[in-house]
C-alpha atoms as a PDB file:
ATOM      1  CA  MET A   1       0.000   0.000   0.000  1.00  0.00           C
ATOM      2  CA  ASN A   2       1.457   3.335  -1.049  1.00  0.00           C
ATOM      3  CA  LYS A   3       0.979   5.903   1.713  1.00  0.00           C
ATOM      4  CA  VAL A   4       3.091   8.683   0.191  1.00  0.00           C
ATOM      5  CA  PHE A   5       1.400  11.739  -1.325  1.00  0.00           C
ATOM      6  CA  SER A   6       3.125  14.609  -3.069  1.00  0.00           C
ATOM      7  CA  THR A   7       1.252  17.490  -1.461  1.00  0.00           C
ATOM      8  CA  ALA A   8      -1.163  18.338   1.309  1.00  0.00           C
ATOM      9  CA  GLN A   9      -3.848  19.055  -1.282  1.00  0.00           C
ATOM     10  CA  GLU A  10      -3.587  15.509  -2.602  1.00  0.00           C
ATOM     11  CA  ALA A  11      -3.549  13.981   0.891  1.00  0.00           C
ATOM     12  CA  ILE A  12      -6.851  15.627   1.909  1.00  0.00           C
ATOM     13  CA  PHE A  13      -8.730  14.616  -1.251  1.00  0.00           C
ATOM     14  CA  ASP A  14     -11.636  13.111   0.723  1.00  0.00           C
ATOM     15  CA  VAL A  15     -11.777  15.584   3.606  1.00  0.00           C
ATOM     16  CA  ASN A  16     -15.158  17.185   2.970  1.00  0.00           C
ATOM     17  CA  ASP A  17     -17.768  19.398   4.613  1.00  0.00           C
ATOM     18  CA  ASN A  18     -18.973  18.482   8.122  1.00  0.00           C
ATOM     19  CA  ALA A  19     -16.006  16.232   8.883  1.00  0.00           C
ATOM     20  CA  THR A  20     -14.631  15.830  12.412  1.00  0.00           C
ATOM     21  CA  LEU A  21     -10.889  16.475  12.622  1.00  0.00           C
ATOM     22  CA  LEU A  22      -8.293  15.779  15.287  1.00  0.00           C
ATOM     23  CA  LEU A  23      -5.522  18.374  14.868  1.00  0.00           C
ATOM     24  CA  GLY A  24      -2.192  17.830  16.592  1.00  0.00           C
ATOM     25  CA  GLY A  25      -0.160  20.538  18.238  1.00  0.00           C
ATOM     26  CA  PHE A  26       0.127  22.550  21.432  1.00  0.00           C
ATOM     27  CA  GLY A  27      -0.029  26.303  21.074  1.00  0.00           C
ATOM     28  CA  LEU A  28       1.793  26.780  17.782  1.00  0.00           C
ATOM     29  CA  CYS A  29       4.221  23.936  18.456  1.00  0.00           C
ATOM     30  CA  GLY A  30       3.925  20.888  16.237  1.00  0.00           C
ATOM     31  CA  ILE A  31       0.836  22.015  14.330  1.00  0.00           C
ATOM     32  CA  PRO A  32       0.133  20.615  10.828  1.00  0.00           C
ATOM     33  CA  GLU A  33       0.687  23.936   9.030  1.00  0.00           C
ATOM     34  CA  ASN A  34       0.669  22.634   5.470  1.00  0.00           C
ATOM     35  CA  THR A  35      -2.477  20.567   5.896  1.00  0.00           C
ATOM     36  CA  ILE A  36      -4.368  23.395   7.578  1.00  0.00           C
ATOM     37  CA  ALA A  37      -3.396  25.689   4.695  1.00  0.00           C
ATOM     38  CA  ALA A  38      -4.687  23.084   2.222  1.00  0.00           C
ATOM     39  CA  ILE A  39      -7.989  22.795   4.118  1.00  0.00           C
ATOM     40  CA  VAL A  40      -8.360  26.588   4.014  1.00  0.00           C
ATOM     41  CA  GLN A  41      -7.631  26.594   0.291  1.00  0.00           C
ATOM     42  CA  LYS A  42     -10.140  23.805  -0.339  1.00  0.00           C
ATOM     43  CA  GLY A  43     -12.847  25.833   1.384  1.00  0.00           C
ATOM     44  CA  ILE A  44     -14.308  22.969   3.416  1.00  0.00           C
ATOM     45  CA  LYS A  45     -17.129  24.077   5.745  1.00  0.00           C
ATOM     46  CA  GLY A  46     -18.965  22.853   8.841  1.00  0.00           C
ATOM     47  CA  LEU A  47     -15.928  21.273  10.468  1.00  0.00           C
ATOM     48  CA  THR A  48     -15.732  20.013  14.025  1.00  0.00           C
ATOM     49  CA  CYS A  49     -12.140  20.547  15.164  1.00  0.00           C
ATOM     50  CA  ILE A  50     -10.634  18.769  18.160  1.00  0.00           C
ATOM     51  CA  SER A  51      -7.397  20.426  19.225  1.00  0.00           C
ATOM     52  CA  ASN A  52      -5.699  21.538  22.419  1.00  0.00           C
ATOM     53  CA  ASN A  53      -6.136  25.135  21.273  1.00  0.00           C
ATOM     54  CA  ALA A  54      -7.453  27.188  18.369  1.00  0.00           C
ATOM     55  CA  GLY A  55      -4.263  28.738  17.021  1.00  0.00           C
ATOM     56  CA  VAL A  56      -3.942  32.508  16.667  1.00  0.00           C
ATOM     57  CA  ASP A  57      -5.810  34.852  14.353  1.00  0.00           C
ATOM     58  CA  ASP A  58      -3.398  34.597  11.421  1.00  0.00           C
ATOM     59  CA  PHE A  59      -1.923  31.131  11.883  1.00  0.00           C
ATOM     60  CA  GLY A  60      -2.950  27.541  12.501  1.00  0.00           C
ATOM     61  CA  ILE A  61      -6.612  26.768  13.129  1.00  0.00           C
ATOM     62  CA  GLY A  62      -7.157  30.515  13.394  1.00  0.00           C
ATOM     63  CA  LEU A  63      -6.984  30.663   9.597  1.00  0.00           C
ATOM     64  CA  MET A  64      -9.908  28.257   9.386  1.00  0.00           C
ATOM     65  CA  LEU A  65     -11.905  30.305  11.893  1.00  0.00           C
ATOM     66  CA  VAL A  66     -11.370  33.484   9.883  1.00  0.00           C
ATOM     67  CA  GLN A  67     -12.834  31.727   6.831  1.00  0.00           C
ATOM     68  CA  LYS A  68     -15.830  30.496   8.893  1.00  0.00           C
ATOM     69  CA  GLN A  69     -14.957  26.857   8.181  1.00  0.00           C
ATOM     70  CA  VAL A  70     -15.336  25.622  11.779  1.00  0.00           C
ATOM     71  CA  LYS A  71     -18.787  25.043  13.277  1.00  0.00           C
ATOM     72  CA  LYS A  72     -17.592  23.473  16.540  1.00  0.00           C
ATOM     73  CA  MET A  73     -14.348  23.675  18.486  1.00  0.00           C
ATOM     74  CA  ILE A  74     -13.435  21.097  21.137  1.00  0.00           C
ATOM     75  CA  SER A  75     -10.421  22.351  23.078  1.00  0.00           C
ATOM     76  CA  SER A  76      -8.860  22.847  26.478  1.00  0.00           C
ATOM     77  CA  TYR A  77      -7.419  26.321  25.853  1.00  0.00           C
ATOM     78  CA  VAL A  78      -8.275  29.051  23.355  1.00  0.00           C
ATOM     79  CA  GLY A  79      -6.941  32.247  24.932  1.00  0.00           C
ATOM     80  CA  GLU A  80      -4.829  33.721  22.121  1.00  0.00           C
ATOM     81  CA  ASN A  81      -7.429  34.025  19.385  1.00  0.00           C
ATOM     82  CA  LYS A  82      -9.543  37.188  19.140  1.00  0.00           C
ATOM     83  CA  GLU A  83     -11.592  35.874  16.209  1.00  0.00           C
ATOM     84  CA  PHE A  84     -12.406  32.772  18.239  1.00  0.00           C
ATOM     85  CA  GLU A  85     -13.570  35.003  21.088  1.00  0.00           C
ATOM     86  CA  ARG A  86     -15.717  37.069  18.753  1.00  0.00           C
ATOM     87  CA  GLN A  87     -17.403  34.033  17.185  1.00  0.00           C
ATOM     88  CA  LEU A  88     -17.996  32.455  20.588  1.00  0.00           C
ATOM     89  CA  LEU A  89     -19.588  35.556  22.099  1.00  0.00           C
ATOM     90  CA  SER A  90     -21.713  36.189  18.992  1.00  0.00           C
ATOM     91  CA  GLY A  91     -23.019  32.605  18.975  1.00  0.00           C
ATOM     92  CA  GLU A  92     -21.479  31.809  15.587  1.00  0.00           C
ATOM     93  CA  LEU A  93     -19.270  29.039  16.990  1.00  0.00           C
ATOM     94  CA  ASP A  94     -20.194  26.056  19.139  1.00  0.00           C
ATOM     95  CA  VAL A  95     -17.490  25.473  21.750  1.00  0.00           C
ATOM     96  CA  GLU A  96     -16.818  22.586  24.122  1.00  0.00           C
ATOM     97  CA  LEU A  97     -14.082  23.383  26.635  1.00  0.00           C
ATOM     98  CA  ILE A  98     -12.779  20.347  28.511  1.00  0.00           C
ATOM     99  CA  PRO A  99      -9.918  19.703  30.951  1.00  0.00           C
ATOM    100  CA  GLN A 100      -6.626  19.101  29.179  1.00  0.00           C
ATOM    101  CA  GLY A 101      -6.124  15.692  30.772  1.00  0.00           C
ATOM    102  CA  THR A 102      -9.615  14.643  29.682  1.00  0.00           C
ATOM    103  CA  LEU A 103      -8.836  15.790  26.135  1.00  0.00           C
ATOM    104  CA  ALA A 104      -5.679  13.666  26.138  1.00  0.00           C
ATOM    105  CA  GLU A 105      -7.436  10.622  27.566  1.00  0.00           C
ATOM    106  CA  ARG A 106     -10.335  10.859  25.105  1.00  0.00           C
ATOM    107  CA  CYS A 107      -7.723  10.705  22.334  1.00  0.00           C
ATOM    108  CA  ARG A 108      -5.849   7.834  23.950  1.00  0.00           C
ATOM    109  CA  ALA A 109      -9.053   5.884  24.571  1.00  0.00           C
ATOM    110  CA  ALA A 110     -10.059   6.232  20.922  1.00  0.00           C
ATOM    111  CA  GLY A 111      -6.698   4.863  19.816  1.00  0.00           C
ATOM    112  CA  ALA A 112      -6.937   1.973  22.267  1.00  0.00           C
ATOM    113  CA  GLY A 113     -10.485   1.028  21.286  1.00  0.00           C
ATOM    114  CA  ILE A 114     -11.918   1.999  24.683  1.00  0.00           C
ATOM    115  CA  PRO A 115     -15.388   3.539  24.192  1.00  0.00           C
ATOM    116  CA  ALA A 116     -15.574   5.432  27.493  1.00  0.00           C
ATOM    117  CA  PHE A 117     -13.807   5.936  30.833  1.00  0.00           C
ATOM    118  CA  PHE A 118     -14.320   7.566  34.231  1.00  0.00           C
ATOM    119  CA  THR A 119     -12.367  10.576  35.500  1.00  0.00           C
ATOM    120  CA  PRO A 120     -12.644  12.891  38.524  1.00  0.00           C
ATOM    121  CA  ALA A 121     -11.747  15.933  36.397  1.00  0.00           C
ATOM    122  CA  GLY A 122     -14.656  18.368  36.133  1.00  0.00           C
ATOM    123  CA  VAL A 123     -16.824  16.947  38.924  1.00  0.00           C
ATOM    124  CA  GLY A 124     -18.920  19.721  40.467  1.00  0.00           C
ATOM    125  CA  THR A 125     -18.313  22.130  37.569  1.00  0.00           C
ATOM    126  CA  GLU A 126     -19.996  23.014  34.266  1.00  0.00           C
ATOM    127  CA  VAL A 127     -17.964  20.211  32.707  1.00  0.00           C
ATOM    128  CA  ALA A 128     -20.201  17.711  34.506  1.00  0.00           C
ATOM    129  CA  GLU A 129     -23.496  18.997  33.091  1.00  0.00           C
ATOM    130  CA  GLY A 130     -25.431  16.279  31.283  1.00  0.00           C
ATOM    131  CA  LYS A 131     -22.842  13.581  31.963  1.00  0.00           C
ATOM    132  CA  GLU A 132     -23.241  10.289  33.771  1.00  0.00           C
ATOM    133  CA  SER A 133     -21.407  10.020  37.083  1.00  0.00           C
ATOM    134  CA  ARG A 134     -20.551   7.126  39.368  1.00  0.00           C
ATOM    135  CA  ILE A 135     -18.986   6.734  42.769  1.00  0.00           C
ATOM    136  CA  PHE A 136     -15.913   4.548  43.193  1.00  0.00           C
ATOM    137  CA  ASN A 137     -14.452   4.082  46.670  1.00  0.00           C
ATOM    138  CA  GLY A 138     -16.402   7.061  47.918  1.00  0.00           C
ATOM    139  CA  LYS A 139     -15.265   9.442  45.155  1.00  0.00           C
ATOM    140  CA  THR A 140     -17.363  10.773  42.275  1.00  0.00           C
ATOM    141  CA  TYR A 141     -16.203  10.308  38.687  1.00  0.00           C
ATOM    142  CA  LEU A 142     -17.594  11.502  35.355  1.00  0.00           C
ATOM    143  CA  MET A 143     -17.995   9.251  32.359  1.00  0.00           C
ATOM    144  CA  GLU A 144     -16.288  10.637  29.261  1.00  0.00           C
ATOM    145  CA  TYR A 145     -16.528   9.168  25.763  1.00  0.00           C
ATOM    146  CA  ALA A 146     -13.624   8.492  23.446  1.00  0.00           C
ATOM    147  CA  PHE A 147     -13.474  10.806  20.443  1.00  0.00           C
ATOM    148  CA  ASP A 148     -15.022   9.639  17.183  1.00  0.00           C
ATOM    149  CA  ALA A 149     -13.062  11.528  14.528  1.00  0.00           C
ATOM    150  CA  ASP A 150     -13.080  11.044  10.773  1.00  0.00           C
ATOM    151  CA  PHE A 151      -9.504  12.251  10.302  1.00  0.00           C
ATOM    152  CA  ALA A 152      -6.414  12.845  12.424  1.00  0.00           C
ATOM    153  CA  ILE A 153      -4.224  15.625  11.009  1.00  0.00           C
ATOM    154  CA  ILE A 154      -0.697  15.258  12.367  1.00  0.00           C
ATOM    155  CA  LYS A 155       2.714  16.952  12.137  1.00  0.00           C
ATOM    156  CA  ALA A 156       5.931  14.966  12.744  1.00  0.00           C
ATOM    157  CA  TRP A 157       9.643  15.678  12.429  1.00  0.00           C
ATOM    158  CA  LYS A 158      10.664  12.603  10.435  1.00  0.00           C
ATOM    159  CA  GLY A 159       8.809   9.741   8.835  1.00  0.00           C
ATOM    160  CA  ASP A 160       9.334   7.002   6.259  1.00  0.00           C
ATOM    161  CA  ARG A 161       7.016   5.849   3.490  1.00  0.00           C
ATOM    162  CA  TYR A 162       5.491   3.193   5.752  1.00  0.00           C
ATOM    163  CA  GLY A 163       4.386   5.962   8.119  1.00  0.00           C
ATOM    164  CA  ASN A 164       6.763   5.316  11.016  1.00  0.00           C
ATOM    165  CA  LEU A 165       7.095   8.648  12.818  1.00  0.00           C
ATOM    166  CA  ILE A 166       9.510  10.514  15.071  1.00  0.00           C
ATOM    167  CA  PHE A 167       8.598  13.767  16.786  1.00  0.00           C
ATOM    168  CA  LYS A 168      11.092  16.364  17.944  1.00  0.00           C
ATOM    169  CA  ASP A 169      11.159  17.646  21.520  1.00  0.00           C
ATOM    170  CA  THR A 170       7.929  19.339  22.683  1.00  0.00           C
ATOM    171  CA  ALA A 171       6.405  19.135  19.183  1.00  0.00           C
ATOM    172  CA  ARG A 172       5.525  15.588  20.191  1.00  0.00           C
ATOM    173  CA  ASN A 173       2.688  16.866  22.456  1.00  0.00           C
ATOM    174  CA  PHE A 174      -0.775  15.678  21.334  1.00  0.00           C
ATOM    175  CA  ASN A 175       0.401  14.345  17.972  1.00  0.00           C
ATOM    176  CA  PRO A 176       1.147  10.672  18.835  1.00  0.00           C
ATOM    177  CA  MET A 177      -2.122   9.965  20.653  1.00  0.00           C
ATOM    178  CA  MET A 178      -4.155  11.749  17.969  1.00  0.00           C
ATOM    179  CA  ALA A 179      -2.344   9.800  15.259  1.00  0.00           C
ATOM    180  CA  MET A 180      -3.692   6.608  16.796  1.00  0.00           C
ATOM    181  CA  ALA A 181      -7.225   7.953  17.271  1.00  0.00           C
ATOM    182  CA  GLY A 182      -8.427   8.962  13.801  1.00  0.00           C
ATOM    183  CA  LYS A 183     -10.229   6.685  11.369  1.00  0.00           C
ATOM    184  CA  ILE A 184      -7.852   8.053   8.714  1.00  0.00           C
ATOM    185  CA  THR A 185      -4.547   9.577   9.813  1.00  0.00           C
ATOM    186  CA  ILE A 186      -2.870  12.117   7.536  1.00  0.00           C
ATOM    187  CA  VAL A 187       0.689  13.095   8.465  1.00  0.00           C
ATOM    188  CA  GLU A 188       2.961  15.844   7.252  1.00  0.00           C
ATOM    189  CA  VAL A 189       6.660  15.548   8.072  1.00  0.00           C
ATOM    190  CA  GLU A 190       9.559  17.922   7.885  1.00  0.00           C
ATOM    191  CA  GLU A 191      11.667  15.168   6.381  1.00  0.00           C
ATOM    192  CA  LEU A 192      10.528  12.052   4.543  1.00  0.00           C
ATOM    193  CA  VAL A 193      13.388   9.581   4.947  1.00  0.00           C
ATOM    194  CA  PRO A 194      14.228   6.278   3.212  1.00  0.00           C
ATOM    195  CA  LEU A 195      13.086   2.996   4.737  1.00  0.00           C
ATOM    196  CA  GLY A 196      15.596   1.758   7.295  1.00  0.00           C
ATOM    197  CA  SER A 197      16.756   5.266   8.226  1.00  0.00           C
ATOM    198  CA  LEU A 198      14.816   5.342  11.475  1.00  0.00           C
ATOM    199  CA  ASN A 199      16.057   3.441  14.488  1.00  0.00           C
ATOM    200  CA  PRO A 200      13.093   1.302  15.606  1.00  0.00           C
ATOM    201  CA  ASN A 201      13.837   2.247  19.221  1.00  0.00           C
ATOM    202  CA  ASP A 202      13.324   5.924  18.355  1.00  0.00           C
ATOM    203  CA  VAL A 203       9.965   5.557  16.601  1.00  0.00           C
ATOM    204  CA  HIS A 204       7.135   7.241  18.532  1.00  0.00           C
ATOM    205  CA  VAL A 205       4.246   6.134  16.289  1.00  0.00           C
ATOM    206  CA  PRO A 206       4.459   2.934  14.208  1.00  0.00           C
ATOM    207  CA  GLY A 207       3.292   3.109  10.627  1.00  0.00           C
ATOM    208  CA  ILE A 208       0.286   0.847  11.184  1.00  0.00           C
ATOM    209  CA  TYR A 209      -1.595   3.900  12.461  1.00  0.00           C
ATOM    210  CA  VAL A 210      -0.718   6.115   9.483  1.00  0.00           C
ATOM    211  CA  HIS A 211      -2.690   6.068   6.232  1.00  0.00           C
ATOM    212  CA  ARG A 212      -1.147   8.996   4.320  1.00  0.00           C
ATOM    213  CA  ILE A 213       2.121  10.868   4.607  1.00  0.00           C
ATOM    214  CA  PHE A 214       3.794  13.719   2.728  1.00  0.00           C
ATOM    215  CA  GLU A 215       6.803  15.987   3.135  1.00  0.00           C
ATOM    216  CA  GLY A 216       5.806  19.539   4.029  1.00  0.00           C
ATOM    217  CA  THR A 217       7.486  22.782   3.067  1.00  0.00           C
ATOM    218  CA  ASN A 218       8.058  26.333   4.320  1.00  0.00           C
ATOM    219  CA  TYR A 219       7.557  25.693   8.021  1.00  0.00           C
ATOM    220  CA  GLU A 220       7.410  28.904  10.055  1.00  0.00           C
ATOM    221  CA  LYS A 221       7.776  27.507  13.602  1.00  0.00           C
ATOM    222  CA  ARG A 222       6.344  30.571  15.265  1.00  0.00           C
ATOM    223  CA  ILE A 223       6.548  31.317  18.975  1.00  0.00           C
ATOM    224  CA  GLU A 224       3.128  32.155  20.403  1.00  0.00           C
ATOM    225  CA  GLN A 225       4.397  34.402  23.216  1.00  0.00           C
ATOM    226  CA  ARG A 226       8.048  35.414  23.042  1.00  0.00           C
ATOM    227  CA  THR A 227       9.467  36.430  26.421  1.00  0.00           C
ATOM    228  CA  VAL A 228      13.099  37.455  26.835  1.00  0.00           C
ATOM    229  CA  ARG A 229      15.048  39.108  29.597  1.00  0.00           C
ATOM    230  CA  ASN A 230      16.402  42.641  29.183  1.00  0.00           C
ATOM    231  CA  ARG A 231      19.946  42.758  27.881  1.00  0.00           C
ATOM    232  CA  VAL A 232      22.437  43.930  30.496  1.00  0.00           C
ATOM    233  CA  GLN A 233      24.197  47.059  29.216  1.00  0.00           C
END
């Protein structure tokens, strides 16, 4: 099976309106820049996007929000996006904010084939509204469902044509667990390497979870909030 595609546009050929997407990344670190740009260019609408955050106004998922392509955002943090705030307050965007650990576990559960799990996170808060709860050993837990996503959109550092992936430093973040959770996993890599180039002990995601892979270009690697100390004169 050939998993290699030439461009992001080719790799998302069947990503259509009203799809549910898992999008890797944390802040602006390790986000699938090329694939997001291709989705914006394709003009897909009505998307449900599951991501730790919503990018910024002019980068990442923020580009999709500006084009009104997202109908629902499922995230744990969205504080750096003014357009997101505007759409939320105006009622244009449906938003589900969940604890970050719950977001991670809902991804992991999907990849492991676990339909639901219990967690204490969110008990006694708005997070618990409408959810089943149970008591274990005298403590209340909420039942959370695994995500059911059509596509996982992932960014990795290196990968081979079988889809074996290595992530670099903190860009690993949500990418590995999301890669295992999508029905179809589309990966962009900074470097597509020959088979045998990756040490099996270094592989973070085995290729069995990856359906499509391509080598991206023109990565910006922005810093969301740059903080530096004053230079001593």
